[in-house]
C-alpha atoms as a PDB file:
ATOM      1  CA  MET A   1     -24.095 -40.544 -21.457  1.00  0.00           C
ATOM      2  CA  ARG A   2     -20.328 -40.365 -20.890  1.00  0.00           C
ATOM      3  CA  ILE A   3     -18.820 -42.649 -18.280  1.00  0.00           C
ATOM      4  CA  VAL A   4     -15.321 -42.758 -16.818  1.00  0.00           C
ATOM      5  CA  ILE A   5     -13.881 -45.891 -15.270  1.00  0.00           C
ATOM      6  CA  LYS A   6     -10.674 -45.690 -13.242  1.00  0.00           C
ATOM      7  CA  THR A   7      -8.970 -48.883 -12.167  1.00  0.00           C
ATOM      8  CA  LEU A   8      -5.815 -50.211 -10.556  1.00  0.00           C
ATOM      9  CA  VAL A   9      -6.077 -53.319 -12.779  1.00  0.00           C
ATOM     10  CA  ASP A  10      -3.978 -53.315 -15.962  1.00  0.00           C
ATOM     11  CA  VAL A  11      -6.534 -52.910 -18.781  1.00  0.00           C
ATOM     12  CA  THR A  12      -4.072 -51.754 -21.440  1.00  0.00           C
ATOM     13  CA  LYS A  13      -5.417 -52.192 -24.963  1.00  0.00           C
ATOM     14  CA  THR A  14      -2.659 -53.970 -26.905  1.00  0.00           C
ATOM     15  CA  GLY A  15      -4.562 -55.545 -29.806  1.00  0.00           C
ATOM     16  CA  VAL A  16      -2.886 -58.911 -29.094  1.00  0.00           C
ATOM     17  CA  ARG A  17      -5.583 -61.606 -29.165  1.00  0.00           C
ATOM     18  CA  ARG A  18      -3.569 -64.783 -29.771  1.00  0.00           C
ATOM     19  CA  LYS A  19      -0.342 -66.146 -28.304  1.00  0.00           C
ATOM     20  CA  GLU A  20       1.410 -66.077 -31.649  1.00  0.00           C
ATOM     21  CA  GLN A  21       0.764 -62.319 -32.008  1.00  0.00           C
ATOM     22  CA  GLY A  22       2.880 -61.205 -29.073  1.00  0.00           C
ATOM     23  CA  ASP A  23       4.065 -61.972 -25.618  1.00  0.00           C
ATOM     24  CA  ALA A  24       1.995 -63.275 -22.718  1.00  0.00           C
ATOM     25  CA  LEU A  25       1.941 -59.873 -20.982  1.00  0.00           C
ATOM     26  CA  LYS A  26       0.289 -58.133 -23.948  1.00  0.00           C
ATOM     27  CA  LEU A  27      -2.175 -60.988 -24.360  1.00  0.00           C
ATOM     28  CA  SER A  28      -3.197 -60.759 -20.683  1.00  0.00           C
ATOM     29  CA  GLN A  29      -3.512 -56.961 -20.827  1.00  0.00           C
ATOM     30  CA  GLN A  30      -5.772 -57.224 -23.889  1.00  0.00           C
ATOM     31  CA  SER A  31      -7.816 -59.937 -22.187  1.00  0.00           C
ATOM     32  CA  ASN A  32      -8.523 -57.636 -19.222  1.00  0.00           C
ATOM     33  CA  PHE A  33      -9.476 -54.810 -21.590  1.00  0.00           C
ATOM     34  CA  GLN A  34     -11.827 -57.086 -23.532  1.00  0.00           C
ATOM     35  CA  THR A  35     -13.402 -58.317 -20.281  1.00  0.00           C
ATOM     36  CA  LEU A  36     -14.076 -54.716 -19.252  1.00  0.00           C
ATOM     37  CA  GLN A  37     -15.649 -53.899 -22.630  1.00  0.00           C
ATOM     38  CA  GLN A  38     -17.800 -57.029 -22.610  1.00  0.00           C
ATOM     39  CA  ILE A  39     -19.214 -56.208 -19.170  1.00  0.00           C
ATOM     40  CA  ILE A  40     -20.010 -52.654 -20.291  1.00  0.00           C
ATOM     41  CA  ASN A  41     -21.722 -53.964 -23.440  1.00  0.00           C
ATOM     42  CA  ILE A  42     -24.063 -56.318 -21.551  1.00  0.00           C
ATOM     43  CA  ARG A  43     -26.630 -53.539 -20.999  1.00  0.00           C
ATOM     44  CA  SER A  44     -25.711 -50.918 -23.605  1.00  0.00           C
ATOM     45  CA  LEU A  45     -23.322 -50.688 -26.531  1.00  0.00           C
ATOM     46  CA  ILE A  46     -20.314 -48.425 -26.459  1.00  0.00           C
ATOM     47  CA  GLU A  47     -20.827 -45.685 -29.060  1.00  0.00           C
ATOM     48  CA  GLU A  48     -17.458 -44.016 -28.815  1.00  0.00           C
ATOM     49  CA  ASN A  49     -14.391 -44.479 -26.709  1.00  0.00           C
ATOM     50  CA  ALA A  50     -10.720 -43.783 -26.388  1.00  0.00           C
ATOM     51  CA  ASP A  51      -8.088 -46.348 -25.490  1.00  0.00           C
ATOM     52  CA  PRO A  52      -7.462 -46.537 -21.748  1.00  0.00           C
ATOM     53  CA  SER A  53      -4.850 -44.046 -20.599  1.00  0.00           C
ATOM     54  CA  ILE A  54      -2.338 -44.794 -17.856  1.00  0.00           C
ATOM     55  CA  GLU A  55      -0.857 -42.418 -15.340  1.00  0.00           C
ATOM     56  CA  THR A  56       0.946 -42.754 -12.059  1.00  0.00           C
ATOM     57  CA  THR A  57      -0.878 -40.623  -9.523  1.00  0.00           C
ATOM     58  CA  LYS A  58      -1.565 -40.294  -5.810  1.00  0.00           C
ATOM     59  CA  VAL A  59      -4.622 -42.451  -5.082  1.00  0.00           C
ATOM     60  CA  ASP A  60      -5.282 -41.582  -1.434  1.00  0.00           C
ATOM     61  CA  GLY A  61      -9.063 -41.847  -1.006  1.00  0.00           C
ATOM     62  CA  MET A  62      -9.753 -42.566  -4.689  1.00  0.00           C
ATOM     63  CA  PHE A  63     -10.246 -46.315  -4.180  1.00  0.00           C
ATOM     64  CA  GLY A  64     -10.818 -46.383  -0.427  1.00  0.00           C
ATOM     65  CA  SER A  65      -8.417 -46.658   2.471  1.00  0.00           C
ATOM     66  CA  LYS A  66      -6.450 -49.765   1.398  1.00  0.00           C
ATOM     67  CA  PHE A  67      -4.488 -48.061  -1.385  1.00  0.00           C
ATOM     68  CA  LYS A  68      -2.302 -45.081  -0.547  1.00  0.00           C
ATOM     69  CA  GLY A  69       0.504 -43.232  -2.239  1.00  0.00           C
ATOM     70  CA  GLU A  70       1.328 -43.273  -5.931  1.00  0.00           C
ATOM     71  CA  HIS A  71       0.039 -46.072  -8.141  1.00  0.00           C
ATOM     72  CA  LYS A  72      -0.670 -46.687 -11.800  1.00  0.00           C
ATOM     73  CA  VAL A  73      -4.283 -45.833 -12.659  1.00  0.00           C
ATOM     74  CA  TRP A  74      -5.930 -46.826 -15.937  1.00  0.00           C
ATOM     75  CA  THR A  75      -8.686 -44.459 -17.085  1.00  0.00           C
ATOM     76  CA  TYR A  76     -11.246 -45.579 -19.650  1.00  0.00           C
ATOM     77  CA  GLU A  77     -13.749 -43.019 -20.916  1.00  0.00           C
ATOM     78  CA  PHE A  78     -16.608 -43.938 -23.215  1.00  0.00           C
ATOM     79  CA  GLN A  79     -20.111 -43.055 -24.297  1.00  0.00           C
ATOM     80  CA  VAL A  80     -23.066 -45.456 -24.421  1.00  0.00           C
ATOM     81  CA  ASP A  81     -26.163 -45.387 -26.596  1.00  0.00           C
ATOM     82  CA  HIS A  82     -28.764 -45.760 -23.798  1.00  0.00           C
ATOM     83  CA  ALA A  83     -28.430 -43.206 -20.999  1.00  0.00           C
ATOM     84  CA  ASP A  84     -30.547 -45.116 -18.464  1.00  0.00           C
ATOM     85  CA  ALA A  85     -29.172 -48.598 -19.158  1.00  0.00           C
ATOM     86  CA  TYR A  86     -27.102 -48.679 -15.956  1.00  0.00           C
ATOM     87  CA  ASN A  87     -29.469 -46.737 -13.677  1.00  0.00           C
ATOM     88  CA  ASP A  88     -30.530 -48.725 -10.599  1.00  0.00           C
ATOM     89  CA  GLY A  89     -32.897 -46.018  -9.324  1.00  0.00           C
ATOM     90  CA  ASN A  90     -30.339 -44.517  -6.938  1.00  0.00           C
ATOM     91  CA  ASP A  91     -27.180 -44.306  -9.034  1.00  0.00           C
ATOM     92  CA  PRO A  92     -27.030 -43.642 -12.803  1.00  0.00           C
ATOM     93  CA  VAL A  93     -24.239 -46.276 -13.110  1.00  0.00           C
ATOM     94  CA  GLY A  94     -25.319 -48.552 -10.232  1.00  0.00           C
ATOM     95  CA  LEU A  95     -26.097 -51.540 -12.460  1.00  0.00           C
ATOM     96  CA  LEU A  96     -22.737 -51.272 -14.217  1.00  0.00           C
ATOM     97  CA  LYS A  97     -21.033 -51.302 -10.822  1.00  0.00           C
ATOM     98  CA  GLU A  98     -22.984 -54.447  -9.930  1.00  0.00           C
ATOM     99  CA  ASP A  99     -22.078 -56.063 -13.256  1.00  0.00           C
ATOM    100  CA  LEU A 100     -18.359 -55.381 -12.701  1.00  0.00           C
ATOM    101  CA  GLU A 101     -18.317 -56.625  -9.102  1.00  0.00           C
ATOM    102  CA  GLN A 102     -16.088 -59.686  -8.643  1.00  0.00           C
ATOM    103  CA  ILE A 103     -15.452 -60.267 -12.354  1.00  0.00           C
ATOM    104  CA  PRO A 104     -12.171 -62.236 -12.601  1.00  0.00           C
ATOM    105  CA  VAL A 105      -9.145 -60.485 -14.104  1.00  0.00           C
ATOM    106  CA  LEU A 106      -5.589 -61.463 -14.908  1.00  0.00           C
ATOM    107  CA  GLY A 107      -3.380 -59.769 -12.328  1.00  0.00           C
ATOM    108  CA  GLY A 108       0.327 -59.472 -11.772  1.00  0.00           C
ATOM    109  CA  LEU A 109       0.841 -57.552 -15.013  1.00  0.00           C
ATOM    110  CA  THR A 110       2.132 -53.983 -14.695  1.00  0.00           C
ATOM    111  CA  GLU A 111      -0.010 -52.991 -11.717  1.00  0.00           C
ATOM    112  CA  THR A 112       1.647 -51.261  -8.780  1.00  0.00           C
ATOM    113  CA  VAL A 113      -0.770 -52.779  -6.240  1.00  0.00           C
ATOM    114  CA  PRO A 114      -0.807 -56.360  -4.928  1.00  0.00           C
ATOM    115  CA  THR A 115      -1.922 -58.814  -7.636  1.00  0.00           C
ATOM    116  CA  PRO A 116      -5.650 -58.313  -8.283  1.00  0.00           C
ATOM    117  CA  LYS A 117      -7.786 -61.379  -8.940  1.00  0.00           C
ATOM    118  CA  MET A 118     -11.062 -59.597  -9.740  1.00  0.00           C
ATOM    119  CA  PHE A 119     -12.656 -56.201 -10.149  1.00  0.00           C
ATOM    120  CA  VAL A 120     -13.769 -54.962  -6.737  1.00  0.00           C
ATOM    121  CA  VAL A 121     -16.257 -52.084  -6.884  1.00  0.00           C
ATOM    122  CA  ASN A 122     -18.401 -51.897  -3.793  1.00  0.00           C
ATOM    123  CA  HIS A 123     -16.091 -52.749  -0.910  1.00  0.00           C
ATOM    124  CA  LYS A 124     -15.120 -49.730   1.159  1.00  0.00           C
ATOM    125  CA  GLY A 125     -11.394 -49.559   1.492  1.00  0.00           C
ATOM    126  CA  LYS A 126     -10.697 -52.387  -0.952  1.00  0.00           C
ATOM    127  CA  SER A 127     -12.092 -51.218  -4.306  1.00  0.00           C
ATOM    128  CA  ASN A 128      -9.800 -51.340  -7.331  1.00  0.00           C
ATOM    129  CA  ILE A 129     -12.223 -49.773  -9.812  1.00  0.00           C
ATOM    130  CA  THR A 130     -14.483 -46.709  -9.829  1.00  0.00           C
ATOM    131  CA  VAL A 131     -17.327 -45.844 -12.204  1.00  0.00           C
ATOM    132  CA  GLU A 132     -18.658 -42.299 -12.642  1.00  0.00           C
ATOM    133  CA  VAL A 133     -20.779 -40.271 -15.035  1.00  0.00           C
ATOM    134  CA  VAL A 134     -19.079 -37.208 -16.544  1.00  0.00           C
END
């Protein structure tokens, strides 16, 4: 099953895992990316993926009513080995959405929205991450 996650949180994959490897920004970006991957891997392992892509796009309605206009959006597409691992009976990715809800992130990086403190999935108007099957 292929899944696409879109988020307003900076989840840039930088490869920087220690302070001595690069600057604090790259370390924080990598930390957010690793957090996202770890949450995904709780129920099923990622089989294949591409690095998150970034684009500035109009987000009206994409994340609810709080965010309007153009913002940076990180898109992470991947495939998992167990198609039903995230199925909650109503939504094929419902459990993944629950797993991501209120997970702390490092904000104030290169986001174009107010500094996020956590992933917010299920709050109408305030979500900063979406999860869909493609």
